[in-house]
Amino acid sequence: MLNNFVYDFFKPVFNNLDSGVSWKMLHGSSWCDGVADIFLRLAENVNTRAVIIFLYNNDGVSPHTLNFVDLDNSINNLKDNSELKKMYLFDPQNNHFPINKKFQFVNINYMLENKIEFSSYKKLDSDNIKLNLLQNDQRAFIKNRIYDEYSISKLSLAIVNVLPKNSLKFLFKFGIFINPELDDDYKQFLYARLEHILLNYDDAIVKYSKITDKSSYYNNAQYWYKSINSSQSVLKKYEDILLSPLKL
């Protein structure tokens, strides 16, 4: 579910934003490293270790970035390539996840041993070799934190969990309002995006519809406006994300 959510709401559609996760989410379009960063932070909500992985081709160039996930938080050495291959691949930019033909979760080692099952995952190929980017050495760039690793931050985590959603929305709206680096057109778009990612679809549609063709964010707004209208029933599934713990 989390992988689908990140793919549907944040995959690269327009220009990229290189900023913090909250601003990337509001902006609504980020390249593979930014999308992986969003997935990484959201995975903390389900107490699940996730890392951002740079994949490398035979020339040592990294053409793609995604997430490896430790579903049972049992991996201790993230610098050991053999340990990394025991983890599970999630690629929220392309909505790829580690499900085999029997609908079972499988790790990287399984994928490499059964490449034919993942032949459609073209982003993982390189140098004319299937899944070559997984076969080569990987590097864990950033990891998130699981609950046991929080210290004073446990207080902030508790506050976030008990505060009403509207209180958090007000804080985000205030942050948008007082930011001197944002022009009025961008602010109006971000207000609409905030409603959208909080799954307030009716409010989001109204705010997107008020962004006219005189705004530099008109095309962005129209894209998300049409996306909501064309898939309202599908988007309703994400309401569970706000009502219950996230599922990967």
Protein backbone atom coordinates (compact mmCIF):
# COMPACT_ATOMS: atom_id res chain seq x y z
CA MET A 1 0.00 0.00 0.00
CA LEU A 2 2.75 2.48 0.90
CA ASN A 3 4.62 1.76 -2.33
CA ASN A 4 1.42 2.41 -4.34
CA PHE A 5 0.70 5.60 -2.41
CA VAL A 6 4.16 7.06 -3.06
CA TYR A 7 3.99 6.07 -6.72
CA ASP A 8 0.55 7.59 -7.29
CA PHE A 9 1.20 10.86 -5.48
CA PHE A 10 4.90 11.69 -5.96
CA LYS A 11 6.33 10.01 -9.09
CA PRO A 12 8.19 12.35 -11.48
CA VAL A 13 5.69 14.15 -13.68
CA PHE A 14 6.86 17.76 -13.68
CA ASN A 15 10.04 19.51 -12.60
CA ASN A 16 12.01 18.03 -9.71
CA LEU A 17 12.32 19.63 -6.27
CA ASP A 18 15.51 19.12 -4.29
CA SER A 19 14.42 19.85 -0.72
CA GLY A 20 13.20 18.19 2.47
CA VAL A 21 10.68 15.35 2.39
CA SER A 22 7.68 17.46 3.43
CA TRP A 23 8.30 19.97 0.65
CA LYS A 24 8.89 17.17 -1.88
CA MET A 25 5.53 15.67 -0.93
CA LEU A 26 3.74 19.00 -1.27
CA HIS A 27 5.48 19.76 -4.57
CA GLY A 28 4.23 16.42 -5.89
CA SER A 29 6.91 15.47 -8.40
CA SER A 30 10.34 14.09 -7.62
CA TRP A 31 12.97 11.95 -9.35
CA CYS A 32 13.87 8.47 -8.14
CA ASP A 33 16.08 9.62 -5.26
CA GLY A 34 13.41 12.00 -3.98
CA VAL A 35 10.64 9.42 -4.26
CA ALA A 36 12.85 6.90 -2.43
CA ASP A 37 13.42 9.51 0.29
CA ILE A 38 9.66 9.98 0.76
CA PHE A 39 9.14 6.20 0.98
CA LEU A 40 11.99 5.92 3.50
CA ARG A 41 10.49 8.49 5.89
CA LEU A 42 6.94 7.16 5.63
CA ALA A 43 8.17 3.63 6.38
CA GLU A 44 9.13 4.84 9.87
CA ASN A 45 5.41 5.03 10.60
CA VAL A 46 5.20 1.23 10.47
CA ASN A 47 8.43 0.72 12.42
CA THR A 48 10.16 -0.79 9.40
CA ARG A 49 13.79 -0.36 8.44
CA ALA A 50 14.22 1.05 4.95
CA VAL A 51 17.33 2.30 3.18
CA ILE A 52 17.95 4.35 0.07
CA ILE A 53 20.06 2.35 -2.36
CA PHE A 54 22.16 3.67 -5.23
CA LEU A 55 22.37 1.02 -7.96
CA TYR A 56 25.45 0.89 -10.20
CA ASN A 57 26.12 -0.39 -13.71
CA ASN A 58 29.36 -2.02 -14.85
CA ASP A 59 30.97 1.40 -15.43
CA GLY A 60 30.35 2.46 -11.82
CA VAL A 61 27.60 4.91 -12.83
CA SER A 62 24.38 5.01 -10.82
CA PRO A 63 21.37 5.25 -13.19
CA HIS A 64 18.70 4.54 -10.60
CA THR A 65 17.86 4.86 -6.90
CA LEU A 66 15.28 2.90 -4.92
CA ASN A 67 14.57 1.34 -1.51
CA PHE A 68 15.59 -1.90 0.14
CA VAL A 69 13.41 -2.84 3.10
CA ASP A 70 14.14 -5.09 6.08
CA LEU A 71 10.62 -6.37 6.75
CA ASP A 72 11.48 -7.93 10.11
CA ASN A 73 14.25 -5.49 11.15
CA SER A 74 16.84 -8.29 11.35
CA ILE A 75 19.67 -6.92 9.18
CA ASN A 76 22.50 -5.54 11.28
CA ASN A 77 25.25 -4.71 8.78
CA LEU A 78 24.02 -2.45 5.98
CA LYS A 79 27.56 -2.13 4.60
CA ASP A 80 27.70 -5.84 3.80
CA ASN A 81 26.47 -6.42 0.26
CA SER A 82 25.48 -10.00 1.03
CA GLU A 83 23.29 -8.74 3.88
CA LEU A 84 21.68 -6.12 1.65
CA LYS A 85 20.64 -8.86 -0.75
CA LYS A 86 18.57 -10.42 2.02
CA MET A 87 16.37 -7.32 1.99
CA TYR A 88 13.26 -6.64 -0.11
CA LEU A 89 13.14 -4.27 -3.07
CA PHE A 90 10.60 -1.47 -3.34
CA ASP A 91 10.81 0.94 -6.26
CA PRO A 92 8.16 3.62 -5.67
CA GLN A 93 9.10 5.57 -8.79
CA ASN A 94 8.09 2.64 -11.01
CA ASN A 95 5.70 0.94 -8.56
CA HIS A 96 7.80 -2.24 -8.46
CA PHE A 97 7.69 -4.42 -5.39
CA PRO A 98 9.05 -7.89 -4.53
CA ILE A 99 6.11 -10.19 -5.23
CA ASN A 100 6.77 -13.45 -7.08
CA LYS A 101 4.36 -15.38 -9.31
CA LYS A 102 2.93 -17.09 -6.23
CA PHE A 103 2.19 -13.67 -4.71
CA GLN A 104 4.83 -14.15 -1.99
CA PHE A 105 7.24 -11.48 -0.76
CA VAL A 106 10.76 -12.41 -1.91
CA ASN A 107 14.17 -10.88 -1.24
CA ILE A 108 16.88 -9.70 -3.61
CA ASN A 109 18.59 -13.10 -3.65
CA TYR A 110 15.37 -14.72 -4.85
CA MET A 111 14.96 -12.11 -7.59
CA LEU A 112 18.48 -12.77 -8.86
CA GLU A 113 17.90 -16.52 -8.84
CA ASN A 114 14.55 -16.17 -10.66
CA LYS A 115 15.14 -13.28 -13.07
CA ILE A 116 12.47 -14.39 -15.52
CA GLU A 117 9.75 -13.58 -12.96
CA PHE A 118 10.93 -9.96 -12.91
CA SER A 119 11.70 -9.47 -16.59
CA SER A 120 9.34 -6.49 -16.74
CA TYR A 121 11.46 -4.56 -14.22
CA LYS A 122 13.48 -2.94 -17.01
CA LYS A 123 14.90 -0.19 -14.80
CA LEU A 124 16.98 -2.84 -13.03
CA ASP A 125 18.70 -4.01 -16.22
CA SER A 126 22.05 -2.68 -17.45
CA ASP A 127 24.86 -3.63 -19.80
CA ASN A 128 22.46 -5.97 -21.64
CA ILE A 129 22.09 -8.10 -18.50
CA LYS A 130 18.76 -8.72 -16.74
CA LEU A 131 18.65 -7.28 -13.19
CA ASN A 132 22.32 -6.38 -13.50
CA LEU A 133 21.88 -3.36 -11.21
CA LEU A 134 20.87 -5.77 -8.44
CA GLN A 135 23.68 -8.16 -9.23
CA ASN A 136 26.37 -5.48 -8.93
CA ASP A 137 27.44 -4.07 -5.59
CA GLN A 138 25.03 -1.62 -3.98
CA ARG A 139 25.51 1.17 -1.51
CA ALA A 140 23.11 2.03 1.28
CA PHE A 141 23.02 5.84 1.23
CA ILE A 142 20.53 6.73 3.99
CA LYS A 143 18.61 4.59 6.47
CA ASN A 144 15.56 5.53 8.50
CA ARG A 145 14.99 4.88 12.19
CA ILE A 146 12.88 2.22 13.84
CA TYR A 147 11.08 2.93 17.11
CA ASP A 148 13.82 1.53 19.35
CA GLU A 149 16.27 4.06 17.92
CA TYR A 150 14.23 7.09 18.87
CA SER A 151 15.27 8.94 22.01
CA ILE A 152 13.93 12.40 22.70
CA SER A 153 12.24 12.17 19.32
CA LYS A 154 9.82 9.65 20.82
CA LEU A 155 8.03 12.64 22.32
CA SER A 156 7.57 14.28 18.92
CA LEU A 157 6.42 10.95 17.49
CA ALA A 158 3.81 10.64 20.24
CA ILE A 159 2.65 14.21 19.68
CA VAL A 160 2.19 13.61 15.95
CA ASN A 161 0.17 10.46 16.66
CA VAL A 162 -2.25 12.13 19.08
CA LEU A 163 -2.68 15.54 17.47
CA PRO A 164 -5.83 15.93 15.37
CA LYS A 165 -5.13 15.89 11.64
CA ASN A 166 -6.50 19.43 11.30
CA SER A 167 -3.89 20.72 13.74
CA LEU A 168 -1.09 19.30 11.63
CA LYS A 169 -2.71 20.66 8.47
CA PHE A 170 -2.81 24.12 10.04
CA LEU A 171 0.93 23.92 10.82
CA PHE A 172 1.73 22.98 7.22
CA LYS A 173 -0.52 25.74 5.85
CA PHE A 174 1.12 28.26 8.15
CA GLY A 175 4.55 27.10 7.00
CA ILE A 176 3.51 27.65 3.39
CA PHE A 177 1.99 31.04 4.19
CA ILE A 178 5.03 32.52 5.97
CA ASN A 179 7.67 31.17 3.58
CA PRO A 180 9.09 34.26 1.84
CA GLU A 181 10.65 32.18 -0.96
CA LEU A 182 7.28 31.07 -2.34
CA ASP A 183 5.31 33.18 -4.81
CA ASP A 184 1.53 33.42 -4.60
CA ASP A 185 0.95 31.03 -7.51
CA TYR A 186 3.05 28.34 -5.87
CA LYS A 187 1.37 28.84 -2.50
CA GLN A 188 -2.08 28.32 -4.00
CA PHE A 189 -0.88 25.13 -5.66
CA LEU A 190 0.68 23.87 -2.42
CA TYR A 191 -2.54 24.50 -0.49
CA ALA A 192 -4.34 22.28 -3.01
CA ARG A 193 -1.62 19.64 -2.84
CA LEU A 194 -1.84 19.59 0.95
CA GLU A 195 -5.53 18.72 0.79
CA HIS A 196 -4.74 16.12 -1.86
CA ILE A 197 -2.04 14.20 0.02
CA LEU A 198 -4.20 14.32 3.16
CA LEU A 199 -6.86 12.60 1.03
CA ASN A 200 -9.34 15.48 1.30
CA TYR A 201 -10.31 14.98 -2.34
CA ASP A 202 -13.33 17.29 -2.49
CA ASP A 203 -11.37 20.21 -1.02
CA ALA A 204 -8.41 19.44 -3.28
CA ILE A 205 -10.61 19.48 -6.40
CA VAL A 206 -12.06 22.85 -5.44
CA LYS A 207 -8.62 24.37 -4.83
CA TYR A 208 -7.13 22.90 -8.02
CA SER A 209 -10.09 24.22 -10.05
CA LYS A 210 -9.47 27.76 -8.78
CA ILE A 211 -5.96 27.80 -10.26
CA THR A 212 -6.45 29.51 -13.62
CA ASP A 213 -4.40 29.37 -16.81
CA LYS A 214 -2.77 32.64 -15.74
CA SER A 215 -0.92 30.72 -13.04
CA SER A 216 2.46 29.16 -13.77
CA TYR A 217 1.16 26.05 -11.94
CA TYR A 218 -1.97 25.65 -14.05
CA ASN A 219 -0.71 22.52 -15.86
CA ASN A 220 0.34 20.92 -12.58
CA ALA A 221 -3.03 21.68 -11.03
CA GLN A 222 -4.92 20.34 -14.05
CA TYR A 223 -2.90 17.11 -13.99
CA TRP A 224 -3.83 16.37 -10.37
CA TYR A 225 -7.41 17.64 -10.83
CA LYS A 226 -7.95 15.16 -13.69
CA SER A 227 -6.14 12.44 -11.76
CA ILE A 228 -8.57 12.72 -8.86
CA ASN A 229 -11.65 12.86 -11.09
CA SER A 230 -10.58 9.88 -13.19
CA SER A 231 -9.68 7.61 -10.30
CA GLN A 232 -11.77 8.72 -7.36
CA SER A 233 -12.79 5.17 -6.47
CA VAL A 234 -9.18 3.98 -6.62
CA LEU A 235 -7.90 6.84 -4.52
CA LYS A 236 -10.42 6.05 -1.79
CA LYS A 237 -8.29 3.03 -0.87
CA TYR A 238 -5.68 5.38 0.56
CA GLU A 239 -8.03 6.58 3.25
CA ASP A 240 -6.91 3.50 5.18
CA ILE A 241 -3.45 5.04 5.35
CA LEU A 242 -4.73 7.83 7.57
CA LEU A 243 -6.98 5.57 9.62
CA SER A 244 -4.68 2.63 10.29
CA PRO A 245 -0.94 1.79 10.27
CA LEU A 246 0.71 1.98 6.87
CA LYS A 247 1.28 -1.20 4.89
CA LEU A 248 4.27 -1.46 2.59
